[in-house]
N, C-alpha and C. Protein backbone atom coordinates (compact mmCIF):
# COMPACT_ATOMS: atom_id res chain seq x y z
N MET A 1 24.53 165.64 -268.30
CA MET A 1 23.88 164.71 -267.40
C MET A 1 24.20 165.04 -265.93
N GLU A 2 25.44 165.47 -265.72
CA GLU A 2 25.85 165.81 -264.36
C GLU A 2 25.10 167.04 -263.84
N ILE A 3 24.80 167.97 -264.71
CA ILE A 3 24.07 169.18 -264.32
C ILE A 3 22.64 168.81 -263.92
N ILE A 4 22.04 167.87 -264.61
CA ILE A 4 20.68 167.44 -264.28
C ILE A 4 20.65 166.78 -262.92
N LYS A 5 21.65 165.92 -262.63
CA LYS A 5 21.72 165.27 -261.32
C LYS A 5 21.92 166.31 -260.22
N LEU A 6 22.76 167.29 -260.47
CA LEU A 6 22.99 168.34 -259.50
C LEU A 6 21.73 169.17 -259.27
N PHE A 7 21.01 169.48 -260.32
CA PHE A 7 19.77 170.24 -260.21
C PHE A 7 18.75 169.50 -259.34
N PHE A 8 18.56 168.20 -259.61
CA PHE A 8 17.59 167.44 -258.83
C PHE A 8 18.06 167.25 -257.39
N GLY A 9 19.35 167.15 -257.18
CA GLY A 9 19.88 167.06 -255.82
C GLY A 9 19.61 168.32 -255.03
N ILE A 10 19.83 169.46 -255.65
CA ILE A 10 19.57 170.73 -254.97
C ILE A 10 18.07 170.92 -254.73
N LEU A 11 17.26 170.54 -255.69
CA LEU A 11 15.80 170.59 -255.51
C LEU A 11 15.37 169.71 -254.35
N PHE A 12 15.98 168.54 -254.25
CA PHE A 12 15.71 167.60 -253.15
C PHE A 12 16.06 168.24 -251.81
N LEU A 13 17.19 168.94 -251.75
CA LEU A 13 17.59 169.60 -250.50
C LEU A 13 16.66 170.76 -250.15
N ILE A 14 16.22 171.50 -251.15
CA ILE A 14 15.31 172.62 -250.90
C ILE A 14 13.98 172.11 -250.33
N LEU A 15 13.54 170.94 -250.78
CA LEU A 15 12.30 170.37 -250.24
C LEU A 15 12.42 169.98 -248.77
N GLY A 16 13.63 169.88 -248.27
CA GLY A 16 13.84 169.55 -246.87
C GLY A 16 13.32 170.62 -245.92
N TYR A 17 13.34 171.87 -246.34
CA TYR A 17 12.87 172.96 -245.48
C TYR A 17 11.38 172.86 -245.17
N PRO A 18 10.50 172.78 -246.17
CA PRO A 18 9.08 172.67 -245.82
C PRO A 18 8.74 171.34 -245.14
N ILE A 19 9.42 170.28 -245.50
CA ILE A 19 9.16 169.00 -244.85
C ILE A 19 9.56 169.07 -243.38
N GLY A 20 10.71 169.66 -243.08
CA GLY A 20 11.15 169.82 -241.69
C GLY A 20 10.20 170.69 -240.90
N ASN A 21 9.74 171.77 -241.49
CA ASN A 21 8.78 172.65 -240.80
C ASN A 21 7.47 171.93 -240.53
N PHE A 22 7.01 171.15 -241.50
CA PHE A 22 5.77 170.40 -241.32
C PHE A 22 5.91 169.38 -240.20
N LEU A 23 7.01 168.64 -240.20
CA LEU A 23 7.23 167.64 -239.15
C LEU A 23 7.35 168.29 -237.78
N ALA A 24 7.96 169.46 -237.70
CA ALA A 24 8.08 170.16 -236.43
C ALA A 24 6.71 170.60 -235.91
N LYS A 25 5.85 171.00 -236.82
CA LYS A 25 4.52 171.43 -236.41
C LYS A 25 3.67 170.25 -235.94
N VAL A 26 3.80 169.12 -236.62
CA VAL A 26 2.96 167.97 -236.33
C VAL A 26 3.43 167.22 -235.08
N THR A 27 4.73 167.21 -234.81
CA THR A 27 5.27 166.38 -233.73
C THR A 27 5.94 167.21 -232.65
N LYS A 28 5.26 168.19 -232.12
CA LYS A 28 5.85 169.06 -231.11
C LYS A 28 6.21 168.32 -229.82
N GLU A 29 5.39 167.38 -229.40
CA GLU A 29 5.63 166.69 -228.14
C GLU A 29 6.88 165.82 -228.20
N GLU A 30 7.09 165.15 -229.33
CA GLU A 30 8.24 164.27 -229.47
C GLU A 30 9.54 165.05 -229.56
N LEU A 31 9.48 166.26 -230.10
CA LEU A 31 10.69 167.05 -230.28
C LEU A 31 11.29 167.47 -228.94
N LYS A 32 10.46 167.73 -227.95
CA LYS A 32 10.97 168.15 -226.65
C LYS A 32 11.74 167.02 -225.98
N ASP A 33 11.23 165.81 -226.09
CA ASP A 33 11.88 164.67 -225.44
C ASP A 33 13.15 164.22 -226.16
N GLY A 34 13.22 164.40 -227.46
CA GLY A 34 14.32 163.85 -228.22
C GLY A 34 15.33 164.85 -228.74
N GLN A 35 15.47 166.00 -228.10
CA GLN A 35 16.38 167.02 -228.61
C GLN A 35 17.82 166.54 -228.64
N LEU A 36 18.25 165.79 -227.65
CA LEU A 36 19.62 165.27 -227.64
C LEU A 36 19.85 164.34 -228.83
N TRP A 37 18.88 163.47 -229.10
CA TRP A 37 19.03 162.54 -230.21
C TRP A 37 18.99 163.24 -231.55
N PHE A 38 18.17 164.26 -231.67
CA PHE A 38 18.13 165.02 -232.92
C PHE A 38 19.45 165.73 -233.16
N THR A 39 20.07 166.24 -232.11
CA THR A 39 21.37 166.89 -232.24
C THR A 39 22.43 165.89 -232.70
N ILE A 40 22.39 164.69 -232.16
CA ILE A 40 23.33 163.64 -232.57
C ILE A 40 23.10 163.27 -234.03
N ILE A 41 21.84 163.14 -234.43
CA ILE A 41 21.52 162.80 -235.82
C ILE A 41 22.03 163.88 -236.76
N ILE A 42 21.87 165.15 -236.38
CA ILE A 42 22.36 166.25 -237.21
C ILE A 42 23.87 166.17 -237.38
N GLY A 43 24.58 165.92 -236.29
CA GLY A 43 26.04 165.85 -236.37
C GLY A 43 26.53 164.69 -237.23
N VAL A 44 25.93 163.52 -237.03
CA VAL A 44 26.35 162.34 -237.79
C VAL A 44 26.02 162.50 -239.27
N SER A 45 24.82 162.96 -239.57
CA SER A 45 24.44 163.07 -240.98
C SER A 45 25.21 164.19 -241.68
N ALA A 46 25.53 165.27 -240.98
CA ALA A 46 26.35 166.32 -241.60
C ALA A 46 27.76 165.81 -241.85
N GLY A 47 28.29 165.03 -240.92
CA GLY A 47 29.61 164.46 -241.12
C GLY A 47 29.65 163.48 -242.29
N LEU A 48 28.65 162.61 -242.38
CA LEU A 48 28.59 161.66 -243.49
C LEU A 48 28.33 162.37 -244.82
N GLY A 49 27.57 163.45 -244.79
CA GLY A 49 27.36 164.23 -246.01
C GLY A 49 28.65 164.86 -246.50
N THR A 50 29.47 165.32 -245.57
CA THR A 50 30.77 165.88 -245.94
C THR A 50 31.68 164.80 -246.51
N VAL A 51 31.63 163.61 -245.93
CA VAL A 51 32.40 162.48 -246.47
C VAL A 51 31.94 162.19 -247.90
N GLY A 52 30.64 162.19 -248.13
CA GLY A 52 30.10 161.98 -249.47
C GLY A 52 30.58 163.03 -250.45
N LEU A 53 30.75 164.26 -249.98
CA LEU A 53 31.26 165.34 -250.83
C LEU A 53 32.71 165.05 -251.25
N PHE A 54 33.52 164.63 -250.30
CA PHE A 54 34.93 164.41 -250.60
C PHE A 54 35.19 163.15 -251.43
N ILE A 55 34.37 162.11 -251.24
CA ILE A 55 34.61 160.89 -252.03
C ILE A 55 33.84 160.91 -253.34
N GLY A 56 32.99 161.90 -253.54
CA GLY A 56 32.27 162.04 -254.80
C GLY A 56 31.04 161.16 -254.91
N ASN A 57 30.47 160.77 -253.79
CA ASN A 57 29.27 159.94 -253.78
C ASN A 57 28.06 160.85 -253.62
N ASP A 58 27.38 161.14 -254.73
CA ASP A 58 26.26 162.07 -254.72
C ASP A 58 25.08 161.58 -253.90
N VAL A 59 24.82 160.28 -253.94
CA VAL A 59 23.69 159.74 -253.18
C VAL A 59 23.90 159.93 -251.68
N LEU A 60 25.10 159.62 -251.21
CA LEU A 60 25.42 159.81 -249.79
C LEU A 60 25.36 161.29 -249.43
N LEU A 61 25.93 162.12 -250.28
CA LEU A 61 25.97 163.56 -250.04
C LEU A 61 24.57 164.15 -249.87
N PHE A 62 23.71 163.94 -250.86
CA PHE A 62 22.39 164.56 -250.82
C PHE A 62 21.47 163.90 -249.79
N SER A 63 21.61 162.61 -249.58
CA SER A 63 20.78 161.94 -248.57
C SER A 63 21.08 162.44 -247.17
N MET A 64 22.35 162.51 -246.85
CA MET A 64 22.73 162.93 -245.50
C MET A 64 22.44 164.41 -245.26
N PHE A 65 22.67 165.24 -246.27
CA PHE A 65 22.35 166.66 -246.09
C PHE A 65 20.84 166.88 -246.02
N PHE A 66 20.05 166.05 -246.71
CA PHE A 66 18.60 166.14 -246.59
C PHE A 66 18.17 165.82 -245.15
N ILE A 67 18.75 164.76 -244.59
CA ILE A 67 18.44 164.41 -243.20
C ILE A 67 18.86 165.53 -242.26
N THR A 68 20.01 166.13 -242.52
CA THR A 68 20.49 167.24 -241.69
C THR A 68 19.51 168.42 -241.74
N ILE A 69 19.06 168.77 -242.93
CA ILE A 69 18.15 169.90 -243.09
C ILE A 69 16.82 169.63 -242.41
N VAL A 70 16.24 168.47 -242.66
CA VAL A 70 14.93 168.15 -242.08
C VAL A 70 15.01 168.13 -240.56
N THR A 71 16.05 167.50 -240.02
CA THR A 71 16.18 167.41 -238.57
C THR A 71 16.45 168.76 -237.94
N SER A 72 17.28 169.56 -238.58
CA SER A 72 17.58 170.89 -238.00
C SER A 72 16.35 171.79 -238.06
N ARG A 73 15.55 171.69 -239.10
CA ARG A 73 14.32 172.47 -239.17
C ARG A 73 13.34 172.03 -238.09
N SER A 74 13.39 170.77 -237.73
CA SER A 74 12.49 170.28 -236.68
C SER A 74 12.88 170.81 -235.32
N LEU A 75 14.16 171.08 -235.11
CA LEU A 75 14.60 171.57 -233.82
C LEU A 75 14.37 173.07 -233.61
N ILE A 76 14.30 173.81 -234.70
CA ILE A 76 14.17 175.27 -234.59
C ILE A 76 12.76 175.65 -234.19
């Protein structure tokens, strides 16, 4: 059961790449104005994802890393 949860979590993270690229393409104007805020969101969500890794909370881990991936793809 744990392997299935891990598989779907990784699949969820992989979907962050195309979603981030799509959002970056659609919202180019907003990305220029909010780069500072996106950087802060990346830092906070990566930190909380790491906390989720250490405490063993899979929902927190995958949710925060998904936000990190989508936001970082939007900035690139």
